[in-house]
N, C-alpha and C. Protein backbone atom coordinates (compact mmCIF):
# COMPACT_ATOMS: atom_id res chain seq x y z
N MET A 1 -42.61 -9.23 -11.83
CA MET A 1 -41.61 -10.17 -11.35
C MET A 1 -40.23 -9.88 -11.96
N LEU A 2 -40.22 -9.63 -13.26
CA LEU A 2 -38.95 -9.33 -13.94
C LEU A 2 -38.34 -8.05 -13.37
N ARG A 3 -39.17 -7.09 -13.07
CA ARG A 3 -38.69 -5.83 -12.51
C ARG A 3 -37.99 -6.06 -11.17
N HIS A 4 -38.60 -6.87 -10.32
CA HIS A 4 -38.00 -7.18 -9.01
C HIS A 4 -36.70 -7.97 -9.17
N SER A 5 -36.66 -8.85 -10.13
CA SER A 5 -35.45 -9.64 -10.38
C SER A 5 -34.30 -8.73 -10.80
N LEU A 6 -34.59 -7.73 -11.63
CA LEU A 6 -33.54 -6.81 -12.07
C LEU A 6 -33.02 -5.98 -10.91
N VAL A 7 -33.88 -5.53 -10.03
CA VAL A 7 -33.46 -4.76 -8.87
C VAL A 7 -32.59 -5.61 -7.96
N ILE A 8 -33.00 -6.84 -7.70
CA ILE A 8 -32.23 -7.73 -6.84
C ILE A 8 -30.87 -8.04 -7.48
N ALA A 9 -30.85 -8.29 -8.78
CA ALA A 9 -29.58 -8.56 -9.48
C ALA A 9 -28.65 -7.36 -9.39
N ALA A 10 -29.20 -6.16 -9.56
CA ALA A 10 -28.37 -4.95 -9.47
C ALA A 10 -27.78 -4.79 -8.08
N LEU A 11 -28.57 -5.06 -7.06
CA LEU A 11 -28.07 -4.96 -5.69
C LEU A 11 -26.98 -5.98 -5.41
N LEU A 12 -27.13 -7.18 -5.93
CA LEU A 12 -26.13 -8.22 -5.70
C LEU A 12 -24.81 -7.93 -6.43
N LEU A 13 -24.88 -7.24 -7.54
CA LEU A 13 -23.69 -6.98 -8.33
C LEU A 13 -22.92 -5.73 -7.90
N THR A 14 -23.51 -4.91 -7.05
CA THR A 14 -22.79 -3.72 -6.58
C THR A 14 -21.74 -4.12 -5.56
N SER A 15 -20.83 -3.23 -5.32
CA SER A 15 -19.72 -3.57 -4.42
C SER A 15 -19.97 -3.11 -2.99
N CYS A 16 -21.16 -3.22 -2.52
CA CYS A 16 -21.46 -2.88 -1.13
C CYS A 16 -20.97 -4.00 -0.22
N HIS A 17 -20.43 -3.62 0.93
CA HIS A 17 -19.95 -4.62 1.87
C HIS A 17 -21.13 -5.30 2.55
N GLY A 18 -21.03 -6.57 2.70
CA GLY A 18 -22.06 -7.34 3.38
C GLY A 18 -21.46 -8.16 4.49
N PRO A 19 -22.28 -8.92 5.20
CA PRO A 19 -21.79 -9.68 6.35
C PRO A 19 -20.76 -10.75 5.99
N GLY A 20 -20.75 -11.24 4.77
CA GLY A 20 -19.80 -12.29 4.39
C GLY A 20 -18.56 -11.75 3.70
N ASP A 21 -18.50 -10.44 3.46
CA ASP A 21 -17.36 -9.86 2.76
C ASP A 21 -16.14 -9.80 3.67
N ARG A 22 -15.00 -10.06 3.08
CA ARG A 22 -13.74 -10.03 3.81
C ARG A 22 -13.17 -8.62 3.79
N VAL A 23 -12.84 -8.10 4.93
CA VAL A 23 -12.19 -6.79 5.03
C VAL A 23 -10.71 -7.03 5.29
N VAL A 24 -9.88 -6.47 4.43
CA VAL A 24 -8.44 -6.66 4.54
C VAL A 24 -7.91 -5.71 5.61
N SER A 25 -7.18 -6.27 6.56
CA SER A 25 -6.60 -5.42 7.61
C SER A 25 -5.41 -4.64 7.07
N ARG A 26 -5.19 -3.50 7.66
CA ARG A 26 -4.10 -2.61 7.25
C ARG A 26 -3.17 -2.38 8.43
N VAL A 27 -1.88 -2.47 8.14
CA VAL A 27 -0.85 -2.22 9.15
C VAL A 27 -0.11 -0.96 8.72
N PRO A 28 -0.18 0.12 9.52
CA PRO A 28 0.52 1.34 9.12
C PRO A 28 2.03 1.18 9.20
N ALA A 29 2.72 1.74 8.21
CA ALA A 29 4.18 1.65 8.15
C ALA A 29 4.81 2.96 8.61
N LEU A 30 5.99 2.85 9.12
CA LEU A 30 6.79 4.02 9.47
C LEU A 30 7.53 4.46 8.21
N VAL A 31 7.46 5.76 7.90
CA VAL A 31 8.18 6.32 6.75
C VAL A 31 9.23 7.28 7.29
N VAL A 32 10.47 7.08 6.88
CA VAL A 32 11.57 7.93 7.32
C VAL A 32 12.41 8.33 6.11
N ILE A 33 13.32 9.24 6.34
CA ILE A 33 14.28 9.62 5.31
C ILE A 33 15.61 8.97 5.69
N LYS A 34 16.17 8.22 4.75
CA LYS A 34 17.45 7.55 4.96
C LYS A 34 18.35 7.89 3.77
N ASN A 35 19.49 8.47 4.03
CA ASN A 35 20.41 8.92 2.97
C ASN A 35 19.69 9.85 1.98
N ASN A 36 18.85 10.73 2.53
CA ASN A 36 18.06 11.71 1.78
C ASN A 36 17.14 11.06 0.73
N ALA A 37 16.63 9.89 1.07
CA ALA A 37 15.67 9.18 0.22
C ALA A 37 14.55 8.61 1.10
N VAL A 38 13.40 8.42 0.51
CA VAL A 38 12.25 7.87 1.23
C VAL A 38 12.53 6.41 1.58
N CYS A 39 12.22 6.05 2.81
CA CYS A 39 12.36 4.67 3.28
C CYS A 39 11.08 4.28 4.02
N VAL A 40 10.37 3.30 3.48
CA VAL A 40 9.21 2.73 4.16
C VAL A 40 9.75 1.52 4.92
N VAL A 41 9.70 1.58 6.23
CA VAL A 41 10.34 0.58 7.07
C VAL A 41 9.52 -0.71 7.09
N SER A 42 10.19 -1.83 6.82
CA SER A 42 9.55 -3.14 6.80
C SER A 42 9.09 -3.56 8.18
N ALA A 43 7.86 -4.06 8.24
CA ALA A 43 7.32 -4.64 9.47
C ALA A 43 6.99 -6.11 9.20
N LEU A 44 7.65 -6.69 8.19
CA LEU A 44 7.38 -8.08 7.82
C LEU A 44 7.95 -9.06 8.83
N ASN A 45 7.19 -10.11 9.09
CA ASN A 45 7.69 -11.24 9.87
C ASN A 45 8.48 -12.14 8.93
N PRO A 46 9.33 -13.00 9.44
CA PRO A 46 10.15 -13.86 8.57
C PRO A 46 9.35 -14.73 7.60
N ASP A 47 8.10 -15.06 7.93
CA ASP A 47 7.31 -15.92 7.05
C ASP A 47 6.37 -15.14 6.14
N GLU A 48 6.54 -13.80 6.05
CA GLU A 48 5.69 -12.96 5.21
C GLU A 48 6.47 -12.41 4.03
N LYS A 49 5.77 -12.21 2.90
CA LYS A 49 6.40 -11.69 1.68
C LYS A 49 5.47 -10.69 1.01
N ILE A 50 6.06 -9.76 0.28
CA ILE A 50 5.30 -8.78 -0.49
C ILE A 50 4.96 -9.39 -1.85
N THR A 51 3.69 -9.30 -2.23
CA THR A 51 3.25 -9.86 -3.51
C THR A 51 2.69 -8.81 -4.46
N GLY A 52 2.63 -7.56 -4.01
CA GLY A 52 2.12 -6.51 -4.88
C GLY A 52 2.29 -5.15 -4.22
N ILE A 53 2.24 -4.11 -5.06
CA ILE A 53 2.36 -2.74 -4.57
C ILE A 53 1.35 -1.86 -5.27
N GLN A 54 0.96 -0.80 -4.59
CA GLN A 54 0.15 0.26 -5.17
C GLN A 54 0.66 1.57 -4.59
N PHE A 55 1.24 2.40 -5.44
CA PHE A 55 1.77 3.70 -5.01
C PHE A 55 1.04 4.79 -5.79
N TYR A 56 0.62 5.84 -5.10
CA TYR A 56 -0.08 6.95 -5.73
C TYR A 56 0.42 8.28 -5.17
N SER A 57 0.43 9.31 -6.02
CA SER A 57 0.75 10.66 -5.56
C SER A 57 -0.44 11.56 -5.84
N ASN A 58 -0.48 12.72 -5.17
CA ASN A 58 -1.58 13.63 -5.40
C ASN A 58 -1.48 14.32 -6.76
N SER A 59 -0.34 14.16 -7.46
CA SER A 59 -0.20 14.73 -8.80
C SER A 59 -0.61 13.75 -9.90
N GLY A 60 -1.06 12.55 -9.51
CA GLY A 60 -1.53 11.59 -10.50
C GLY A 60 -0.54 10.49 -10.85
N GLU A 61 0.67 10.56 -10.31
CA GLU A 61 1.64 9.48 -10.55
C GLU A 61 1.13 8.22 -9.88
N LYS A 62 1.36 7.08 -10.52
CA LYS A 62 0.98 5.83 -9.88
C LYS A 62 1.86 4.69 -10.38
N ARG A 63 1.97 3.69 -9.53
CA ARG A 63 2.67 2.46 -9.90
C ARG A 63 1.93 1.32 -9.22
N VAL A 64 1.48 0.37 -10.01
CA VAL A 64 0.78 -0.81 -9.51
C VAL A 64 1.48 -2.01 -10.12
N ARG A 65 1.94 -2.91 -9.25
CA ARG A 65 2.63 -4.12 -9.72
C ARG A 65 2.21 -5.30 -8.87
N MET A 66 2.01 -6.42 -9.49
CA MET A 66 1.72 -7.67 -8.80
C MET A 66 2.83 -8.65 -9.16
N PHE A 67 3.33 -9.37 -8.19
CA PHE A 67 4.38 -10.35 -8.46
C PHE A 67 4.23 -11.56 -7.54
N HIS A 68 3.08 -12.22 -7.67
CA HIS A 68 2.78 -13.39 -6.86
C HIS A 68 3.76 -14.54 -7.12
N LYS A 69 4.28 -14.64 -8.34
CA LYS A 69 5.19 -15.75 -8.66
C LYS A 69 6.58 -15.54 -8.10
N GLN A 70 6.94 -14.29 -7.83
CA GLN A 70 8.26 -13.97 -7.26
C GLN A 70 8.09 -12.98 -6.12
N PRO A 71 7.48 -13.40 -5.00
CA PRO A 71 7.29 -12.47 -3.88
C PRO A 71 8.63 -12.00 -3.32
N VAL A 72 8.59 -10.86 -2.66
CA VAL A 72 9.79 -10.21 -2.15
C VAL A 72 9.77 -10.24 -0.62
N TYR A 73 10.87 -10.67 -0.03
CA TYR A 73 11.00 -10.62 1.43
C TYR A 73 12.01 -9.53 1.79
N VAL A 74 11.66 -8.73 2.79
CA VAL A 74 12.56 -7.69 3.30
C VAL A 74 12.58 -7.84 4.81
N ALA A 75 13.77 -7.96 5.37
CA ALA A 75 13.90 -8.14 6.82
C ALA A 75 13.26 -6.99 7.58
N ASN A 76 12.70 -7.30 8.72
CA ASN A 76 12.07 -6.32 9.59
C ASN A 76 13.07 -5.21 9.92
N GLY A 77 12.65 -3.95 9.74
CA GLY A 77 13.50 -2.81 10.03
C GLY A 77 14.25 -2.28 8.83
N GLU A 78 14.29 -3.04 7.73
CA GLU A 78 14.95 -2.58 6.51
C GLU A 78 13.95 -1.78 5.66
N CYS A 79 14.44 -1.08 4.63
CA CYS A 79 13.58 -0.31 3.74
C CYS A 79 12.90 -1.23 2.73
N LEU A 80 11.59 -1.08 2.59
CA LEU A 80 10.86 -1.84 1.58
C LEU A 80 11.24 -1.32 0.20
N PRO A 81 11.20 -2.17 -0.83
CA PRO A 81 11.56 -1.72 -2.18
C PRO A 81 10.52 -0.74 -2.72
N LEU A 82 10.98 0.27 -3.42
CA LEU A 82 10.10 1.30 -3.98
C LEU A 82 10.02 1.21 -5.50
N PHE A 83 10.69 0.25 -6.09
CA PHE A 83 10.59 -0.10 -7.50
C PHE A 83 10.72 1.11 -8.43
N GLY A 84 11.66 1.99 -8.10
CA GLY A 84 11.96 3.12 -8.97
C GLY A 84 10.92 4.23 -8.95
N PHE A 85 9.99 4.19 -8.04
CA PHE A 85 8.98 5.25 -7.96
C PHE A 85 9.66 6.56 -7.58
N ALA A 86 9.37 7.62 -8.32
CA ALA A 86 10.02 8.91 -8.09
C ALA A 86 9.21 9.75 -7.09
N PHE A 87 9.88 10.23 -6.07
CA PHE A 87 9.26 11.08 -5.06
C PHE A 87 9.74 12.51 -5.26
N ALA A 88 8.84 13.47 -5.03
CA ALA A 88 9.18 14.88 -5.21
C ALA A 88 8.69 15.68 -4.01
N PRO A 89 9.50 16.63 -3.56
CA PRO A 89 9.05 17.50 -2.46
C PRO A 89 7.78 18.25 -2.87
N GLY A 90 6.94 18.51 -1.87
CA GLY A 90 5.70 19.23 -2.12
C GLY A 90 4.55 18.33 -2.52
N GLN A 91 4.79 17.03 -2.61
CA GLN A 91 3.75 16.08 -3.00
C GLN A 91 3.31 15.25 -1.80
N SER A 92 2.11 14.66 -1.92
CA SER A 92 1.60 13.72 -0.93
C SER A 92 1.51 12.35 -1.58
N TYR A 93 1.73 11.32 -0.79
CA TYR A 93 1.77 9.96 -1.32
C TYR A 93 0.92 9.01 -0.48
N SER A 94 0.40 8.01 -1.15
CA SER A 94 -0.34 6.93 -0.51
C SER A 94 0.21 5.63 -1.08
N MET A 95 0.56 4.70 -0.18
CA MET A 95 1.21 3.46 -0.62
C MET A 95 0.58 2.27 0.08
N ALA A 96 0.53 1.14 -0.63
CA ALA A 96 0.06 -0.10 -0.03
C ALA A 96 0.92 -1.24 -0.57
N PHE A 97 1.35 -2.09 0.34
CA PHE A 97 2.13 -3.29 0.00
C PHE A 97 1.28 -4.50 0.36
N ASP A 98 0.97 -5.36 -0.62
CA ASP A 98 0.22 -6.59 -0.34
C ASP A 98 1.15 -7.58 0.34
N VAL A 99 0.70 -8.16 1.45
CA VAL A 99 1.53 -9.07 2.22
C VAL A 99 0.92 -10.46 2.21
N GLU A 100 1.71 -11.43 1.74
CA GLU A 100 1.31 -12.84 1.74
C GLU A 100 1.83 -13.49 3.01
N THR A 101 0.96 -14.23 3.66
CA THR A 101 1.35 -14.95 4.88
C THR A 101 1.07 -16.44 4.68
N PRO A 102 1.68 -17.31 5.49
CA PRO A 102 1.40 -18.74 5.36
C PRO A 102 -0.08 -19.07 5.56
N ASP A 103 -0.76 -18.30 6.40
CA ASP A 103 -2.19 -18.49 6.63
C ASP A 103 -2.95 -17.45 5.82
N PRO A 104 -3.65 -17.86 4.73
CA PRO A 104 -4.36 -16.89 3.89
C PRO A 104 -5.36 -16.02 4.66
N ALA A 105 -5.83 -16.46 5.80
CA ALA A 105 -6.77 -15.68 6.59
C ALA A 105 -6.08 -14.45 7.21
N ASN A 106 -4.75 -14.44 7.26
CA ASN A 106 -4.01 -13.32 7.84
C ASN A 106 -3.47 -12.35 6.80
N TYR A 107 -3.93 -12.49 5.54
CA TYR A 107 -3.52 -11.57 4.47
C TYR A 107 -3.78 -10.14 4.94
N HIS A 108 -2.82 -9.23 4.69
CA HIS A 108 -3.01 -7.84 5.08
C HIS A 108 -2.20 -6.91 4.18
N LEU A 109 -2.39 -5.63 4.37
CA LEU A 109 -1.66 -4.62 3.63
C LEU A 109 -0.79 -3.83 4.60
N ILE A 110 0.40 -3.47 4.16
CA ILE A 110 1.21 -2.49 4.87
C ILE A 110 0.95 -1.19 4.14
N THR A 111 0.51 -0.15 4.85
CA THR A 111 0.13 1.09 4.20
C THR A 111 0.90 2.28 4.77
N ALA A 112 1.00 3.32 3.95
CA ALA A 112 1.64 4.57 4.38
C ALA A 112 1.01 5.73 3.63
N GLU A 113 0.77 6.80 4.33
CA GLU A 113 0.33 8.06 3.74
C GLU A 113 1.20 9.16 4.33
N PHE A 114 1.80 9.93 3.46
CA PHE A 114 2.73 10.96 3.94
C PHE A 114 2.92 12.05 2.89
N GLY A 115 3.42 13.18 3.36
CA GLY A 115 3.83 14.26 2.48
C GLY A 115 5.33 14.36 2.51
N LEU A 116 5.90 14.98 1.51
CA LEU A 116 7.35 15.11 1.42
C LEU A 116 7.70 16.58 1.20
N GLN A 117 8.61 17.08 2.00
CA GLN A 117 9.08 18.46 1.89
C GLN A 117 10.60 18.47 1.84
N ALA A 118 11.15 19.57 1.37
CA ALA A 118 12.61 19.74 1.34
C ALA A 118 12.94 21.15 1.79
N ASN A 119 14.10 21.28 2.48
CA ASN A 119 14.53 22.62 2.88
C ASN A 119 15.35 23.24 1.74
N GLU A 120 15.94 24.42 1.99
CA GLU A 120 16.69 25.14 0.95
C GLU A 120 17.91 24.35 0.45
N GLN A 121 18.45 23.47 1.30
CA GLN A 121 19.61 22.67 0.90
C GLN A 121 19.19 21.37 0.20
N GLY A 122 17.90 21.13 0.05
CA GLY A 122 17.42 19.92 -0.61
C GLY A 122 17.30 18.72 0.31
N ILE A 123 17.42 18.95 1.62
CA ILE A 123 17.29 17.87 2.59
C ILE A 123 15.82 17.54 2.76
N LEU A 124 15.46 16.29 2.52
CA LEU A 124 14.06 15.87 2.57
C LEU A 124 13.56 15.68 3.99
N ARG A 125 12.24 15.88 4.15
CA ARG A 125 11.58 15.70 5.43
C ARG A 125 10.20 15.09 5.17
N VAL A 126 9.83 14.10 5.97
CA VAL A 126 8.54 13.43 5.83
C VAL A 126 7.53 14.13 6.73
N GLU A 127 6.34 14.36 6.21
CA GLU A 127 5.22 14.87 6.98
C GLU A 127 4.18 13.77 7.05
N ASN A 128 3.98 13.20 8.23
CA ASN A 128 3.00 12.13 8.38
C ASN A 128 1.59 12.69 8.25
N ARG A 129 0.72 11.91 7.63
CA ARG A 129 -0.68 12.31 7.41
C ARG A 129 -1.59 11.52 8.30
């Protein structure tokens, strides 16, 4: 009996998705170069705010910040804040912005995956992944 209880407990504690688990929807973002800098274009509605970020590069750089007490609003079509994250040509990036909505059931992430290249003059170019 104890053996079966341990197996059941182990299964319940693992992070396998089940029928009651919530899957967070993802909204892909447009990434462009604006003034030779990376710009992740905001797709936020007026009642939505950013409450956290997760930025990663293939070289191991990362930035994770949560700011639920001071969420950030960026008008639709403007560049989302990058919080000083440094981008370098020849690298690939993965980004997620946590989005708070008035209805908690509509919580979602704005995501982007892209590579960054530069020509001989240092002009940046985004490669969508």
